[in-house]
Amino acid sequence: MTNPQGPPPDDPSIWAKPQSPGGPQPTARTDQPGPTPPVAGHPVAPAGSPPPPAADYPAQPFPKDPTTPVKSRPRLFRDPLSIVLILVSVMALAVAGLVGAEFYARHIAESKVAQAVECEVQDKATASFGVLPPVLWQHLTGHYTNISVQTAGNQIRDAKHMKVAIEIRDVDLAHHTSSSKGTIGSLDATITWPTAGIKESVQDAIPLLGSFVASTVATHPDSGTIELRGFLDSIIVKPQVTDNSLSLQVLSLKALGTALPKESIQVSLDAFVSRLTNDYPLGIHADSVDVTTDGVTAHFSTHSASIPAGRANPCFANL
């Protein structure tokens, strides 16, 4: 029988130590933590050295309430389509503003020109500016390229049913003086006078006899004459231009088939035409006159004319 292995017989064995009556005492448990074992790869500070300084880490924010909405940067200026829409809107507003300003400036300018013409001809008138350049630009530069004016056709001063169409070009208001508001490059006016207007005008121009000699009017374009027939037979007159002025020259006057002196009628017609045309402003003068089947057509014009100041001609005071 083999003996169990153990310490040699001459060496005292723990099994040979005296035991307490209650048996072996349990090993006492210590509450002190032992030294932390070194971590591989990290240097171990020698005993008695001061503790390493604390790392300067940024403070961590406290977690937000998950129910709080998170504010994000607006994506308005990060979206190319939004930027394009904004630019288009701004451009549309700018264009609308310019169009509105152009219509307003055009209305004011046309009203001022129409009022000046109405004052001169004593009839209603409408004025219009050319499409290009814009009236705003013309106002800024003081140079107006083309203006058209039409009268209503009721009368021109004492001439009944007379109508005028005016074309004005190259108006310069930038270079004005104390006696002039500027210059007009050219002005062309076409006057139409129908036979009905001639009859009424002659009846008013010839005292007492007018209604007797001008009950009907006939034109003769071939001879360039106008025949006025009435109770006392007829008057034949010839419109013509004399010394840049329009005149009605009496060729014959007959009453009951007998020729009468023309001078009495001629004086009345000369006074009528003088009131009609001789004091036109801007140096406007007659160039030509033609007799048509419907009446009389005359052309008036002026070039490089000086626009009178308001005190010289009240009709131009508001220009």
Protein backbone atom coordinates (compact mmCIF):
# COMPACT_ATOMS: atom_id res chain seq x y z
CA MET A 1 0.00 0.00 0.00
CA THR A 2 1.45 3.22 -1.11
CA ASN A 3 1.69 6.15 1.25
CA PRO A 4 0.29 9.53 0.01
CA GLN A 5 2.76 12.08 -1.17
CA GLY A 6 3.54 14.90 1.21
CA PRO A 7 6.33 16.72 2.81
CA PRO A 8 9.29 14.82 4.00
CA PRO A 9 8.93 13.10 7.39
CA ASP A 10 11.59 15.24 9.00
CA ASP A 11 9.94 18.50 7.97
CA PRO A 12 7.09 19.79 10.12
CA SER A 13 3.82 19.74 8.21
CA ILE A 14 0.95 22.05 8.45
CA TRP A 15 -1.16 19.11 9.22
CA ALA A 16 0.87 18.63 12.33
CA LYS A 17 0.21 22.20 13.63
CA PRO A 18 -2.16 22.42 16.56
CA GLN A 19 -5.64 23.56 15.64
CA SER A 20 -7.97 25.69 17.63
CA PRO A 21 -10.84 23.95 19.28
CA GLY A 22 -13.28 25.53 16.86
CA GLY A 23 -11.46 24.53 13.76
CA PRO A 24 -9.47 26.66 11.36
CA GLN A 25 -10.13 30.42 11.35
CA PRO A 26 -11.39 31.95 8.13
CA THR A 27 -9.13 34.23 6.26
CA ALA A 28 -9.72 37.89 7.19
CA ARG A 29 -11.25 40.06 4.29
CA THR A 30 -9.73 43.44 3.78
CA ASP A 31 -11.72 46.48 2.52
CA GLN A 32 -8.68 48.36 1.23
CA PRO A 33 -8.27 48.11 -2.49
CA GLY A 34 -5.04 46.83 -3.63
CA PRO A 35 -2.78 48.52 -6.07
CA THR A 36 -4.09 48.70 -9.60
CA PRO A 37 -2.16 46.37 -11.77
CA PRO A 38 -0.22 48.10 -14.48
CA VAL A 39 -1.71 48.16 -17.93
CA ALA A 40 0.41 46.93 -20.71
CA GLY A 41 1.78 49.72 -22.88
CA HIS A 42 1.31 52.50 -20.29
CA PRO A 43 4.23 53.73 -18.18
CA VAL A 44 3.92 53.28 -14.47
CA ALA A 45 4.59 56.36 -12.36
CA PRO A 46 7.15 55.78 -9.62
CA ALA A 47 5.97 55.65 -6.08
CA GLY A 48 5.58 59.01 -4.37
CA SER A 49 5.22 61.05 -7.62
CA PRO A 50 2.38 63.63 -7.83
CA PRO A 51 -0.77 62.62 -9.66
CA PRO A 52 -0.87 63.42 -13.37
CA PRO A 53 -2.71 66.61 -14.35
CA ALA A 54 -6.32 66.29 -15.41
CA ALA A 55 -6.90 66.31 -19.15
CA ASP A 56 -8.41 69.54 -20.49
CA TYR A 57 -11.45 68.10 -22.24
CA PRO A 58 -14.30 70.41 -23.37
CA ALA A 59 -17.34 70.31 -21.22
CA GLN A 60 -19.96 68.04 -22.61
CA PRO A 61 -23.41 69.67 -23.01
CA PHE A 62 -26.27 68.22 -21.16
CA PRO A 63 -28.55 66.18 -23.34
CA LYS A 64 -31.54 68.16 -24.56
CA ASP A 65 -35.07 67.25 -23.98
CA PRO A 66 -36.04 64.95 -26.85
CA THR A 67 -39.38 66.79 -27.10
CA THR A 68 -37.69 70.19 -27.78
CA PRO A 69 -37.73 70.99 -31.56
CA VAL A 70 -34.32 71.31 -33.09
CA LYS A 71 -33.73 74.63 -34.87
CA SER A 72 -32.16 74.26 -38.24
CA ARG A 73 -30.82 76.93 -40.60
CA PRO A 74 -33.36 78.04 -43.22
CA ARG A 75 -32.84 76.42 -46.56
CA LEU A 76 -34.18 79.44 -48.50
CA PHE A 77 -30.79 80.65 -49.69
CA ARG A 78 -29.42 77.14 -50.12
CA ASP A 79 -32.04 76.25 -52.73
CA PRO A 80 -31.11 77.49 -56.25
CA LEU A 81 -34.75 77.43 -57.34
CA SER A 82 -35.73 79.76 -54.48
CA ILE A 83 -32.97 82.19 -55.44
CA VAL A 84 -34.13 82.19 -59.07
CA LEU A 85 -37.74 82.81 -58.04
CA ILE A 86 -36.70 85.72 -55.81
CA LEU A 87 -34.64 87.30 -58.59
CA VAL A 88 -37.49 86.87 -61.08
CA SER A 89 -39.95 88.45 -58.63
CA VAL A 90 -37.66 91.42 -58.02
CA MET A 91 -37.14 91.93 -61.75
CA ALA A 92 -40.89 91.69 -62.38
CA LEU A 93 -41.60 94.32 -59.74
CA ALA A 94 -38.91 96.59 -61.18
CA VAL A 95 -40.31 96.23 -64.71
CA ALA A 96 -43.84 96.86 -63.45
CA GLY A 97 -42.65 100.00 -61.69
CA LEU A 98 -40.91 101.29 -64.81
CA VAL A 99 -43.95 100.56 -66.97
CA GLY A 100 -46.20 102.40 -64.52
CA ALA A 101 -43.85 105.37 -64.40
CA GLU A 102 -43.67 105.42 -68.21
CA PHE A 103 -47.46 105.48 -68.55
CA TYR A 104 -47.73 108.26 -65.98
CA ALA A 105 -45.01 110.38 -67.62
CA ARG A 106 -46.55 109.81 -71.05
CA HIS A 107 -49.98 110.88 -69.80
CA ILE A 108 -48.62 114.07 -68.22
CA ALA A 109 -46.55 115.00 -71.29
CA GLU A 110 -49.39 114.35 -73.74
CA SER A 111 -51.79 116.38 -71.61
CA LYS A 112 -49.44 119.39 -71.55
CA VAL A 113 -48.92 119.37 -75.32
CA ALA A 114 -52.64 118.92 -75.99
CA GLN A 115 -53.50 121.84 -73.70
CA ALA A 116 -51.06 124.13 -75.52
CA VAL A 117 -52.61 123.24 -78.91
CA GLU A 118 -56.15 123.60 -77.57
CA CYS A 119 -55.31 127.08 -76.34
CA GLU A 120 -54.13 128.12 -79.81
CA VAL A 121 -56.79 126.52 -82.02
CA GLN A 122 -59.69 126.83 -79.54
CA ASP A 123 -60.75 123.22 -80.01
CA LYS A 124 -60.20 119.89 -78.27
CA ALA A 125 -56.94 118.14 -79.09
CA THR A 126 -55.16 114.87 -78.36
CA ALA A 127 -51.40 114.38 -78.40
CA SER A 128 -49.29 111.23 -78.56
CA PHE A 129 -45.57 110.56 -78.30
CA GLY A 130 -43.69 107.97 -80.31
CA VAL A 131 -43.20 104.51 -78.84
CA LEU A 132 -39.42 104.84 -78.75
CA PRO A 133 -37.51 106.19 -77.04
CA PRO A 134 -39.52 106.05 -73.79
CA VAL A 135 -40.94 109.34 -72.58
CA LEU A 136 -39.08 108.90 -69.27
CA TRP A 137 -35.78 108.89 -71.14
CA GLN A 138 -36.85 111.86 -73.27
CA HIS A 139 -37.79 113.75 -70.12
CA LEU A 140 -34.42 113.03 -68.49
CA THR A 141 -32.51 114.17 -71.57
CA GLY A 142 -34.83 117.10 -72.38
CA HIS A 143 -34.97 115.98 -76.02
CA TYR A 144 -38.28 114.80 -77.53
CA THR A 145 -38.03 113.08 -80.89
CA ASN A 146 -41.57 113.05 -82.33
CA ILE A 147 -45.01 114.18 -81.18
CA SER A 148 -48.33 113.86 -83.03
CA VAL A 149 -51.36 116.08 -82.36
CA GLN A 150 -54.91 115.81 -83.70
CA THR A 151 -57.74 118.26 -83.14
CA ALA A 152 -61.38 117.27 -82.83
CA GLY A 153 -62.48 119.02 -86.03
CA ASN A 154 -65.03 121.36 -84.51
CA GLN A 155 -63.20 124.53 -85.46
CA ILE A 156 -59.88 126.34 -85.66
CA ARG A 157 -60.60 129.71 -84.19
CA ASP A 158 -63.35 131.19 -86.42
CA ALA A 159 -63.15 128.53 -89.16
CA LYS A 160 -65.95 126.06 -88.58
CA HIS A 161 -65.32 122.31 -88.97
CA MET A 162 -61.63 122.95 -89.69
CA LYS A 163 -59.27 120.23 -88.46
CA VAL A 164 -55.49 120.06 -88.14
CA ALA A 165 -53.03 117.16 -87.85
CA ILE A 166 -49.62 118.22 -86.52
CA GLU A 167 -46.29 116.38 -86.56
CA ILE A 168 -43.59 117.83 -84.28
CA ARG A 169 -39.99 116.60 -84.32
CA ASP A 170 -36.75 117.26 -82.44
CA VAL A 171 -38.02 119.30 -79.50
CA ASP A 172 -35.12 120.47 -77.32
CA LEU A 173 -36.07 121.71 -73.86
CA ALA A 174 -32.62 121.22 -72.34
CA HIS A 175 -31.16 124.45 -73.73
CA HIS A 176 -33.64 127.08 -72.59
CA THR A 177 -33.15 130.77 -71.88
CA SER A 178 -35.04 133.49 -70.07
CA SER A 179 -37.00 134.31 -73.22
CA SER A 180 -37.32 130.81 -74.66
CA LYS A 181 -38.25 127.41 -73.28
CA GLY A 182 -36.33 125.62 -76.01
CA THR A 183 -36.51 124.94 -79.72
CA ILE A 184 -38.53 122.86 -82.17
CA GLY A 185 -36.64 121.26 -85.02
CA SER A 186 -39.63 121.04 -87.34
CA LEU A 187 -43.42 121.29 -87.27
CA ASP A 188 -45.70 120.21 -90.12
CA ALA A 189 -49.45 120.82 -89.98
CA THR A 190 -52.06 119.62 -92.46
CA ILE A 191 -55.36 121.52 -92.31
CA THR A 192 -58.58 120.20 -93.80
CA TRP A 193 -61.62 122.43 -94.26
CA PRO A 194 -64.77 120.71 -95.56
CA THR A 195 -67.38 122.48 -97.65
CA ALA A 196 -69.86 122.52 -94.76
CA GLY A 197 -67.37 124.45 -92.67
CA ILE A 198 -66.62 126.86 -95.52
CA LYS A 199 -70.32 127.68 -95.88
CA GLU A 200 -70.83 128.34 -92.16
CA SER A 201 -67.62 130.37 -91.87
CA VAL A 202 -68.43 132.61 -94.87
CA GLN A 203 -71.95 133.17 -93.58
CA ASP A 204 -70.48 134.42 -90.28
CA ALA A 205 -67.67 136.40 -91.95
CA ILE A 206 -69.85 138.48 -94.32
CA PRO A 207 -72.24 140.65 -92.33
CA LEU A 208 -75.89 140.69 -93.46
CA LEU A 209 -75.23 139.19 -96.91
CA GLY A 210 -73.56 136.00 -95.80
CA SER A 211 -76.68 133.87 -95.54
CA PHE A 212 -77.87 135.08 -98.95
CA VAL A 213 -74.72 134.22 -100.90
CA ALA A 214 -73.60 131.00 -99.20
CA SER A 215 -76.49 128.62 -98.92
CA THR A 216 -74.63 125.93 -100.91
CA VAL A 217 -70.93 125.36 -101.62
CA ALA A 218 -69.37 123.63 -104.63
CA THR A 219 -65.64 123.02 -105.19
CA HIS A 220 -63.84 122.94 -108.55
CA PRO A 221 -60.49 121.19 -108.11
CA ASP A 222 -59.49 121.72 -111.76
CA SER A 223 -59.59 125.51 -111.46
CA GLY A 224 -58.78 125.56 -107.76
CA THR A 225 -61.89 127.62 -106.97
CA ILE A 226 -64.85 127.48 -104.62
CA GLU A 227 -68.33 128.58 -105.69
CA LEU A 228 -70.82 129.78 -103.09
CA ARG A 229 -74.38 129.97 -104.38
CA GLY A 230 -77.35 131.58 -102.68
CA PHE A 231 -80.43 133.72 -103.08
CA LEU A 232 -78.41 136.56 -104.65
CA ASP A 233 -76.71 134.25 -107.14
CA SER A 234 -73.05 133.39 -106.44
CA ILE A 235 -69.52 134.22 -105.27
CA ILE A 236 -66.44 132.54 -106.69
CA VAL A 237 -63.30 132.61 -104.51
CA LYS A 238 -59.86 131.12 -105.00
CA PRO A 239 -57.82 130.00 -101.96
CA GLN A 240 -54.13 130.82 -102.36
CA VAL A 241 -50.93 131.47 -100.44
CA THR A 242 -49.67 135.05 -100.43
CA ASP A 243 -46.60 136.12 -98.45
CA ASN A 244 -46.67 132.88 -96.41
CA SER A 245 -50.30 133.53 -95.47
CA LEU A 246 -53.54 131.95 -96.59
CA SER A 247 -56.02 134.14 -98.45
CA LEU A 248 -59.39 133.82 -100.15
CA GLN A 249 -59.31 135.87 -103.35
CA VAL A 250 -62.75 136.92 -104.66
CA LEU A 251 -62.88 136.32 -108.42
CA SER A 252 -66.50 137.27 -109.08
CA LEU A 253 -69.62 138.41 -107.29
CA LYS A 254 -73.00 138.26 -109.00
CA ALA A 255 -76.44 139.18 -107.77
CA LEU A 256 -79.46 138.33 -109.91
CA GLY A 257 -77.13 137.74 -112.83
CA THR A 258 -75.43 141.12 -112.53
CA ALA A 259 -71.77 141.51 -111.65
CA LEU A 260 -71.12 143.51 -108.51
CA PRO A 261 -67.96 145.12 -107.10
CA LYS A 262 -65.82 142.58 -105.31
CA GLU A 263 -64.17 144.96 -102.85
CA SER A 264 -66.91 144.93 -100.20
CA ILE A 265 -66.85 141.15 -99.96
CA GLN A 266 -63.05 140.98 -100.23
CA VAL A 267 -62.51 143.19 -97.18
CA SER A 268 -64.70 140.95 -95.04
CA LEU A 269 -62.97 137.76 -96.23
CA ASP A 270 -59.50 139.26 -95.67
CA ALA A 271 -60.38 140.16 -92.09
CA PHE A 272 -61.71 136.63 -91.52
CA VAL A 273 -58.57 134.92 -92.87
CA SER A 274 -56.33 137.27 -90.92
CA ARG A 275 -57.97 136.27 -87.65
CA LEU A 276 -57.59 132.66 -88.69
CA THR A 277 -53.92 132.37 -89.65
CA ASN A 278 -51.79 135.48 -89.35
CA ASP A 279 -50.87 135.29 -85.66
CA TYR A 280 -49.94 131.63 -85.40
CA PRO A 281 -47.06 131.09 -82.92
CA LEU A 282 -43.62 129.57 -83.55
CA GLY A 283 -43.39 131.24 -86.95
CA ILE A 284 -45.91 128.81 -88.45
CA HIS A 285 -46.75 129.87 -92.00
CA ALA A 286 -48.71 128.60 -94.98
CA ASP A 287 -46.82 126.63 -97.64
CA SER A 288 -49.53 125.44 -100.01
CA VAL A 289 -53.28 125.13 -100.44
CA ASP A 290 -55.31 122.78 -102.62
CA VAL A 291 -58.99 122.58 -103.51
CA THR A 292 -60.37 119.04 -103.36
CA THR A 293 -63.75 117.51 -104.04
CA ASP A 294 -64.52 117.65 -100.32
CA GLY A 295 -63.20 121.11 -99.52
CA VAL A 296 -59.78 122.69 -98.97
CA THR A 297 -56.49 121.21 -97.78
CA ALA A 298 -53.61 123.44 -96.67
CA HIS A 299 -50.11 122.75 -95.42
CA PHE A 300 -48.39 124.85 -92.75
CA SER A 301 -44.89 124.44 -91.32
CA THR A 302 -42.03 125.93 -89.36
CA HIS A 303 -38.39 124.98 -88.75
CA SER A 304 -35.89 125.73 -85.97
CA ALA A 305 -38.55 127.62 -84.07
CA SER A 306 -38.02 129.09 -80.62
CA ILE A 307 -40.65 128.11 -78.03
CA PRO A 308 -41.87 131.31 -76.35
CA ALA A 309 -41.72 131.66 -72.58
CA GLY A 310 -44.93 131.65 -70.59
CA ARG A 311 -45.08 135.41 -70.18
CA ALA A 312 -44.76 135.89 -73.96
CA ASN A 313 -47.49 133.38 -74.82
CA PRO A 314 -49.75 132.03 -72.06
CA CYS A 315 -50.61 128.98 -74.17
CA PHE A 316 -47.07 127.68 -73.62
CA ALA A 317 -46.90 128.48 -69.90
CA ASN A 318 -47.34 124.84 -68.76
CA LEU A 319 -44.82 123.25 -71.10
